[in-house]
Amino acid sequence: MTRSNIFIGALCVFLAAAFLVAAAPPLGTWECTSSTPGGDERKWTLTVQESNGKLAGTVGGEDGDSSIEDAKYENGTLTFKVTLDTGTYQVTLKIDGGKLDGTWTGGGASGTVKGFKKT
């Protein structure tokens, strides 16, 4: 085997491993803080799991737990909807390692989300 064949083989293995890691859904528990443009903040927990080959989970806060709906993870971005007492919210989160950064809209308002992976 030539050096170039070894290099190409090693490169293919590395790229395949990187793709699998990048494509893995962000399962686990995330500590999050939502902010409004006015500066109000609300802390909450996002728990993401896989159930029957689909993403599922809950959003938990001072008002209790609510199930997430229509969860999708593509290209490092997690999207879902959650219905709370104040309305249905669309959440879009960019995952980068153990951190997330994103936005929420719904209930006549919008804002940002920041967080980190707890487990």
N, C-alpha and C. Protein backbone atom coordinates (compact mmCIF):
# COMPACT_ATOMS: atom_id res chain seq x y z
N MET A 1 0.85 -1.18 0.00
CA MET A 1 0.00 0.00 0.00
C MET A 1 0.90 1.24 0.00
N THR A 2 0.54 2.19 -0.83
CA THR A 2 1.36 3.40 -0.90
C THR A 2 0.94 4.37 0.19
N ARG A 3 1.81 5.33 0.40
CA ARG A 3 1.51 6.36 1.42
C ARG A 3 0.23 7.13 1.09
N SER A 4 0.02 7.42 -0.19
CA SER A 4 -1.18 8.18 -0.56
C SER A 4 -2.45 7.37 -0.29
N ASN A 5 -2.42 6.04 -0.51
CA ASN A 5 -3.58 5.20 -0.21
C ASN A 5 -3.86 5.16 1.28
N ILE A 6 -2.81 5.08 2.08
CA ILE A 6 -2.98 5.09 3.54
C ILE A 6 -3.57 6.42 3.98
N PHE A 7 -3.06 7.52 3.43
CA PHE A 7 -3.56 8.85 3.78
C PHE A 7 -5.03 8.99 3.40
N ILE A 8 -5.39 8.57 2.20
CA ILE A 8 -6.78 8.68 1.74
C ILE A 8 -7.69 7.81 2.61
N GLY A 9 -7.24 6.61 2.95
CA GLY A 9 -8.03 5.74 3.83
C GLY A 9 -8.24 6.36 5.19
N ALA A 10 -7.18 6.90 5.77
CA ALA A 10 -7.28 7.55 7.08
C ALA A 10 -8.20 8.76 7.01
N LEU A 11 -8.12 9.53 5.95
CA LEU A 11 -8.97 10.71 5.77
C LEU A 11 -10.44 10.30 5.69
N CYS A 12 -10.73 9.22 4.96
CA CYS A 12 -12.12 8.74 4.86
C CYS A 12 -12.66 8.31 6.22
N VAL A 13 -11.85 7.61 7.00
CA VAL A 13 -12.29 7.20 8.33
C VAL A 13 -12.56 8.41 9.21
N PHE A 14 -11.67 9.40 9.17
CA PHE A 14 -11.84 10.62 9.96
C PHE A 14 -13.11 11.36 9.56
N LEU A 15 -13.35 11.53 8.27
CA LEU A 15 -14.53 12.24 7.81
C LEU A 15 -15.81 11.50 8.17
N ALA A 16 -15.80 10.18 8.07
CA ALA A 16 -16.98 9.40 8.45
C ALA A 16 -17.27 9.55 9.95
N ALA A 17 -16.23 9.50 10.78
CA ALA A 17 -16.41 9.67 12.23
C ALA A 17 -16.92 11.07 12.55
N ALA A 18 -16.38 12.08 11.90
CA ALA A 18 -16.82 13.46 12.13
C ALA A 18 -18.28 13.63 11.73
N PHE A 19 -18.69 13.01 10.62
CA PHE A 19 -20.09 13.09 10.19
C PHE A 19 -21.01 12.44 11.21
N LEU A 20 -20.64 11.27 11.71
CA LEU A 20 -21.48 10.58 12.68
C LEU A 20 -21.63 11.37 13.97
N VAL A 21 -20.55 11.99 14.44
CA VAL A 21 -20.62 12.80 15.65
C VAL A 21 -21.49 14.03 15.41
N ALA A 22 -21.32 14.68 14.26
CA ALA A 22 -22.10 15.89 13.96
C ALA A 22 -23.58 15.56 13.78
N ALA A 23 -23.89 14.37 13.29
CA ALA A 23 -25.27 14.01 13.02
C ALA A 23 -25.99 13.47 14.25
N ALA A 24 -25.24 13.15 15.31
CA ALA A 24 -25.87 12.59 16.52
C ALA A 24 -26.76 13.65 17.17
N PRO A 25 -27.99 13.28 17.51
CA PRO A 25 -28.89 14.25 18.14
C PRO A 25 -28.40 14.65 19.53
N PRO A 26 -28.79 15.83 19.99
CA PRO A 26 -28.33 16.36 21.28
C PRO A 26 -29.11 15.79 22.46
N LEU A 27 -28.98 14.49 22.67
CA LEU A 27 -29.72 13.83 23.75
C LEU A 27 -29.16 14.24 25.10
N GLY A 28 -30.04 14.30 26.11
CA GLY A 28 -29.61 14.64 27.46
C GLY A 28 -30.41 15.79 28.03
N THR A 29 -29.88 16.35 29.09
CA THR A 29 -30.54 17.45 29.79
C THR A 29 -29.73 18.73 29.60
N TRP A 30 -30.43 19.79 29.24
CA TRP A 30 -29.83 21.09 28.97
C TRP A 30 -30.42 22.13 29.90
N GLU A 31 -29.57 22.94 30.52
CA GLU A 31 -30.01 24.07 31.35
C GLU A 31 -30.07 25.29 30.44
N CYS A 32 -31.23 25.92 30.36
CA CYS A 32 -31.45 27.01 29.41
C CYS A 32 -31.94 28.27 30.11
N THR A 33 -31.67 29.40 29.46
CA THR A 33 -32.20 30.69 29.90
C THR A 33 -32.74 31.41 28.68
N SER A 34 -34.03 31.74 28.72
CA SER A 34 -34.66 32.53 27.66
C SER A 34 -34.66 33.98 28.07
N SER A 35 -34.43 34.85 27.10
CA SER A 35 -34.43 36.29 27.35
C SER A 35 -35.34 36.98 26.35
N THR A 36 -35.99 38.05 26.81
CA THR A 36 -36.80 38.89 25.94
C THR A 36 -35.98 40.11 25.55
N PRO A 37 -36.39 40.81 24.49
CA PRO A 37 -35.67 42.04 24.12
C PRO A 37 -35.66 43.06 25.26
N GLY A 38 -36.66 43.02 26.16
CA GLY A 38 -36.73 43.93 27.30
C GLY A 38 -35.84 43.54 28.46
N GLY A 39 -35.18 42.38 28.36
CA GLY A 39 -34.25 41.96 29.40
C GLY A 39 -34.80 40.99 30.43
N ASP A 40 -36.09 40.59 30.31
CA ASP A 40 -36.63 39.59 31.23
C ASP A 40 -36.01 38.23 30.93
N GLU A 41 -35.69 37.48 31.97
CA GLU A 41 -35.09 36.16 31.80
C GLU A 41 -35.91 35.10 32.51
N ARG A 42 -35.91 33.90 31.92
CA ARG A 42 -36.60 32.77 32.53
C ARG A 42 -35.73 31.53 32.35
N LYS A 43 -35.44 30.85 33.46
CA LYS A 43 -34.63 29.63 33.43
C LYS A 43 -35.55 28.42 33.26
N TRP A 44 -35.07 27.45 32.47
CA TRP A 44 -35.83 26.23 32.22
C TRP A 44 -34.89 25.11 31.83
N THR A 45 -35.41 23.90 31.86
CA THR A 45 -34.62 22.72 31.52
C THR A 45 -35.23 22.04 30.31
N LEU A 46 -34.38 21.68 29.36
CA LEU A 46 -34.79 20.92 28.19
C LEU A 46 -34.21 19.52 28.31
N THR A 47 -35.07 18.52 28.24
CA THR A 47 -34.63 17.13 28.24
C THR A 47 -34.98 16.53 26.89
N VAL A 48 -33.96 16.02 26.19
CA VAL A 48 -34.15 15.45 24.86
C VAL A 48 -33.79 13.97 24.92
N GLN A 49 -34.68 13.15 24.36
CA GLN A 49 -34.43 11.71 24.30
C GLN A 49 -34.91 11.20 22.95
N GLU A 50 -34.58 9.96 22.67
CA GLU A 50 -35.04 9.32 21.45
C GLU A 50 -36.06 8.26 21.83
N SER A 51 -37.19 8.25 21.14
CA SER A 51 -38.24 7.30 21.42
C SER A 51 -38.78 6.76 20.09
N ASN A 52 -38.64 5.46 19.90
CA ASN A 52 -39.09 4.82 18.66
C ASN A 52 -38.50 5.48 17.41
N GLY A 53 -37.20 5.84 17.49
CA GLY A 53 -36.51 6.43 16.35
C GLY A 53 -36.81 7.89 16.12
N LYS A 54 -37.56 8.53 17.00
CA LYS A 54 -37.88 9.95 16.86
C LYS A 54 -37.42 10.71 18.09
N LEU A 55 -37.15 12.00 17.91
CA LEU A 55 -36.80 12.84 19.05
C LEU A 55 -38.05 13.19 19.84
N ALA A 56 -37.91 13.16 21.14
CA ALA A 56 -38.99 13.52 22.06
C ALA A 56 -38.34 14.25 23.23
N GLY A 57 -39.16 14.77 24.12
CA GLY A 57 -38.59 15.41 25.29
C GLY A 57 -39.56 16.32 26.00
N THR A 58 -39.03 17.03 26.97
CA THR A 58 -39.84 17.94 27.77
C THR A 58 -39.09 19.24 28.03
N VAL A 59 -39.88 20.27 28.28
CA VAL A 59 -39.39 21.55 28.75
C VAL A 59 -39.94 21.68 30.16
N GLY A 60 -39.08 21.93 31.13
CA GLY A 60 -39.50 22.04 32.52
C GLY A 60 -39.10 23.37 33.11
N GLY A 61 -39.98 23.92 33.89
CA GLY A 61 -39.71 25.20 34.55
C GLY A 61 -40.57 25.34 35.78
N GLU A 62 -40.70 26.57 36.24
CA GLU A 62 -41.46 26.80 37.46
C GLU A 62 -42.94 26.47 37.30
N ASP A 63 -43.44 26.40 36.06
CA ASP A 63 -44.85 26.07 35.82
C ASP A 63 -45.06 24.58 35.55
N GLY A 64 -44.03 23.74 35.71
CA GLY A 64 -44.16 22.31 35.46
C GLY A 64 -43.51 21.90 34.15
N ASP A 65 -43.81 20.68 33.70
CA ASP A 65 -43.22 20.13 32.49
C ASP A 65 -44.23 20.14 31.35
N SER A 66 -43.73 20.39 30.13
CA SER A 66 -44.54 20.31 28.92
C SER A 66 -43.76 19.53 27.87
N SER A 67 -44.45 18.70 27.13
CA SER A 67 -43.81 17.90 26.09
C SER A 67 -43.47 18.77 24.88
N ILE A 68 -42.32 18.47 24.26
CA ILE A 68 -41.98 19.15 23.01
C ILE A 68 -42.64 18.39 21.86
N GLU A 69 -42.92 19.12 20.78
CA GLU A 69 -43.59 18.56 19.61
C GLU A 69 -42.78 18.87 18.36
N ASP A 70 -42.91 18.01 17.35
CA ASP A 70 -42.27 18.23 16.05
C ASP A 70 -40.77 18.47 16.16
N ALA A 71 -40.11 17.75 17.05
CA ALA A 71 -38.66 17.93 17.26
C ALA A 71 -37.88 17.38 16.06
N LYS A 72 -36.93 18.19 15.58
CA LYS A 72 -36.07 17.79 14.47
C LYS A 72 -34.65 18.26 14.77
N TYR A 73 -33.68 17.46 14.35
CA TYR A 73 -32.28 17.85 14.49
C TYR A 73 -31.60 17.66 13.15
N GLU A 74 -31.19 18.75 12.52
CA GLU A 74 -30.54 18.73 11.22
C GLU A 74 -29.44 19.77 11.19
N ASN A 75 -28.29 19.37 10.66
CA ASN A 75 -27.16 20.29 10.46
C ASN A 75 -26.80 21.07 11.72
N GLY A 76 -26.85 20.39 12.88
CA GLY A 76 -26.46 21.02 14.13
C GLY A 76 -27.52 21.93 14.74
N THR A 77 -28.73 21.90 14.20
CA THR A 77 -29.81 22.76 14.70
C THR A 77 -30.98 21.91 15.16
N LEU A 78 -31.41 22.15 16.39
CA LEU A 78 -32.58 21.49 16.98
C LEU A 78 -33.75 22.45 16.91
N THR A 79 -34.88 21.99 16.37
CA THR A 79 -36.09 22.80 16.34
C THR A 79 -37.21 22.00 16.98
N PHE A 80 -38.12 22.69 17.66
CA PHE A 80 -39.29 22.05 18.24
C PHE A 80 -40.32 23.11 18.59
N LYS A 81 -41.54 22.62 18.89
CA LYS A 81 -42.61 23.47 19.40
C LYS A 81 -42.94 23.00 20.80
N VAL A 82 -43.40 23.91 21.62
CA VAL A 82 -43.87 23.56 22.96
C VAL A 82 -45.06 24.46 23.28
N THR A 83 -46.08 23.85 23.85
CA THR A 83 -47.27 24.59 24.22
C THR A 83 -47.28 24.79 25.73
N LEU A 84 -47.36 26.05 26.14
CA LEU A 84 -47.43 26.43 27.55
C LEU A 84 -48.74 27.17 27.79
N ASP A 85 -49.00 27.59 29.01
CA ASP A 85 -50.23 28.32 29.32
C ASP A 85 -50.36 29.59 28.49
N THR A 86 -49.24 30.18 28.13
CA THR A 86 -49.26 31.46 27.42
C THR A 86 -49.28 31.32 25.90
N GLY A 87 -49.29 30.09 25.39
CA GLY A 87 -49.35 29.90 23.94
C GLY A 87 -48.39 28.82 23.47
N THR A 88 -48.32 28.67 22.15
CA THR A 88 -47.40 27.72 21.53
C THR A 88 -46.18 28.47 21.04
N TYR A 89 -45.01 27.92 21.34
CA TYR A 89 -43.74 28.56 21.02
C TYR A 89 -42.92 27.70 20.07
N GLN A 90 -42.29 28.34 19.11
CA GLN A 90 -41.35 27.69 18.20
C GLN A 90 -39.94 28.01 18.71
N VAL A 91 -39.13 26.97 18.90
CA VAL A 91 -37.78 27.15 19.42
C VAL A 91 -36.78 26.61 18.40
N THR A 92 -35.73 27.37 18.12
CA THR A 92 -34.66 26.98 17.20
C THR A 92 -33.35 27.14 17.95
N LEU A 93 -32.60 26.04 18.10
CA LEU A 93 -31.36 26.05 18.87
C LEU A 93 -30.20 25.51 18.05
N LYS A 94 -29.15 26.27 17.94
CA LYS A 94 -27.91 25.82 17.30
C LYS A 94 -27.07 25.17 18.38
N ILE A 95 -26.71 23.90 18.19
CA ILE A 95 -25.93 23.14 19.16
C ILE A 95 -24.47 23.15 18.73
N ASP A 96 -23.59 23.50 19.65
CA ASP A 96 -22.15 23.49 19.39
C ASP A 96 -21.47 22.84 20.58
N GLY A 97 -21.21 21.53 20.48
CA GLY A 97 -20.62 20.81 21.60
C GLY A 97 -21.59 20.79 22.76
N GLY A 98 -21.16 21.30 23.90
CA GLY A 98 -22.00 21.32 25.10
C GLY A 98 -22.73 22.63 25.31
N LYS A 99 -22.82 23.47 24.27
CA LYS A 99 -23.51 24.75 24.39
C LYS A 99 -24.59 24.87 23.33
N LEU A 100 -25.59 25.67 23.64
CA LEU A 100 -26.62 25.96 22.65
C LEU A 100 -26.92 27.45 22.66
N ASP A 101 -27.38 27.92 21.52
CA ASP A 101 -27.69 29.33 21.33
C ASP A 101 -28.81 29.39 20.31
N GLY A 102 -29.87 30.15 20.59
CA GLY A 102 -30.96 30.17 19.64
C GLY A 102 -32.00 31.22 19.90
N THR A 103 -33.20 30.95 19.36
CA THR A 103 -34.30 31.91 19.45
C THR A 103 -35.60 31.19 19.78
N TRP A 104 -36.56 31.95 20.27
CA TRP A 104 -37.92 31.47 20.49
C TRP A 104 -38.89 32.53 20.00
N THR A 105 -40.04 32.07 19.51
CA THR A 105 -41.10 32.98 19.11
C THR A 105 -42.43 32.36 19.51
N GLY A 106 -43.39 33.20 19.88
CA GLY A 106 -44.72 32.72 20.23
C GLY A 106 -45.34 33.55 21.32
N GLY A 107 -46.62 33.39 21.49
CA GLY A 107 -47.33 34.15 22.52
C GLY A 107 -47.24 35.65 22.31
N GLY A 108 -47.07 36.06 21.06
CA GLY A 108 -46.98 37.48 20.75
C GLY A 108 -45.63 38.10 21.09
N ALA A 109 -44.61 37.28 21.31
CA ALA A 109 -43.29 37.81 21.67
C ALA A 109 -42.21 36.93 21.03
N SER A 110 -40.97 37.34 21.23
CA SER A 110 -39.82 36.56 20.75
C SER A 110 -38.61 36.92 21.60
N GLY A 111 -37.57 36.11 21.48
CA GLY A 111 -36.36 36.39 22.24
C GLY A 111 -35.28 35.38 21.94
N THR A 112 -34.30 35.33 22.80
CA THR A 112 -33.13 34.47 22.60
C THR A 112 -33.09 33.37 23.66
N VAL A 113 -32.31 32.34 23.37
CA VAL A 113 -32.09 31.25 24.30
C VAL A 113 -30.59 30.95 24.33
N LYS A 114 -30.07 30.74 25.51
CA LYS A 114 -28.69 30.29 25.70
C LYS A 114 -28.73 29.15 26.69
N GLY A 115 -27.77 28.22 26.58
CA GLY A 115 -27.77 27.12 27.51
C GLY A 115 -26.54 26.25 27.40
N PHE A 116 -26.50 25.25 28.27
CA PHE A 116 -25.38 24.32 28.29
C PHE A 116 -25.90 22.94 28.67
N LYS A 117 -25.15 21.93 28.25
CA LYS A 117 -25.55 20.56 28.53
C LYS A 117 -25.19 20.19 29.96
N LYS A 118 -26.19 19.72 30.69
CA LYS A 118 -25.99 19.32 32.08
C LYS A 118 -25.58 17.85 32.15
N THR A 119 -26.29 16.97 31.45
CA THR A 119 -25.95 15.54 31.41
C THR A 119 -26.16 14.99 30.03
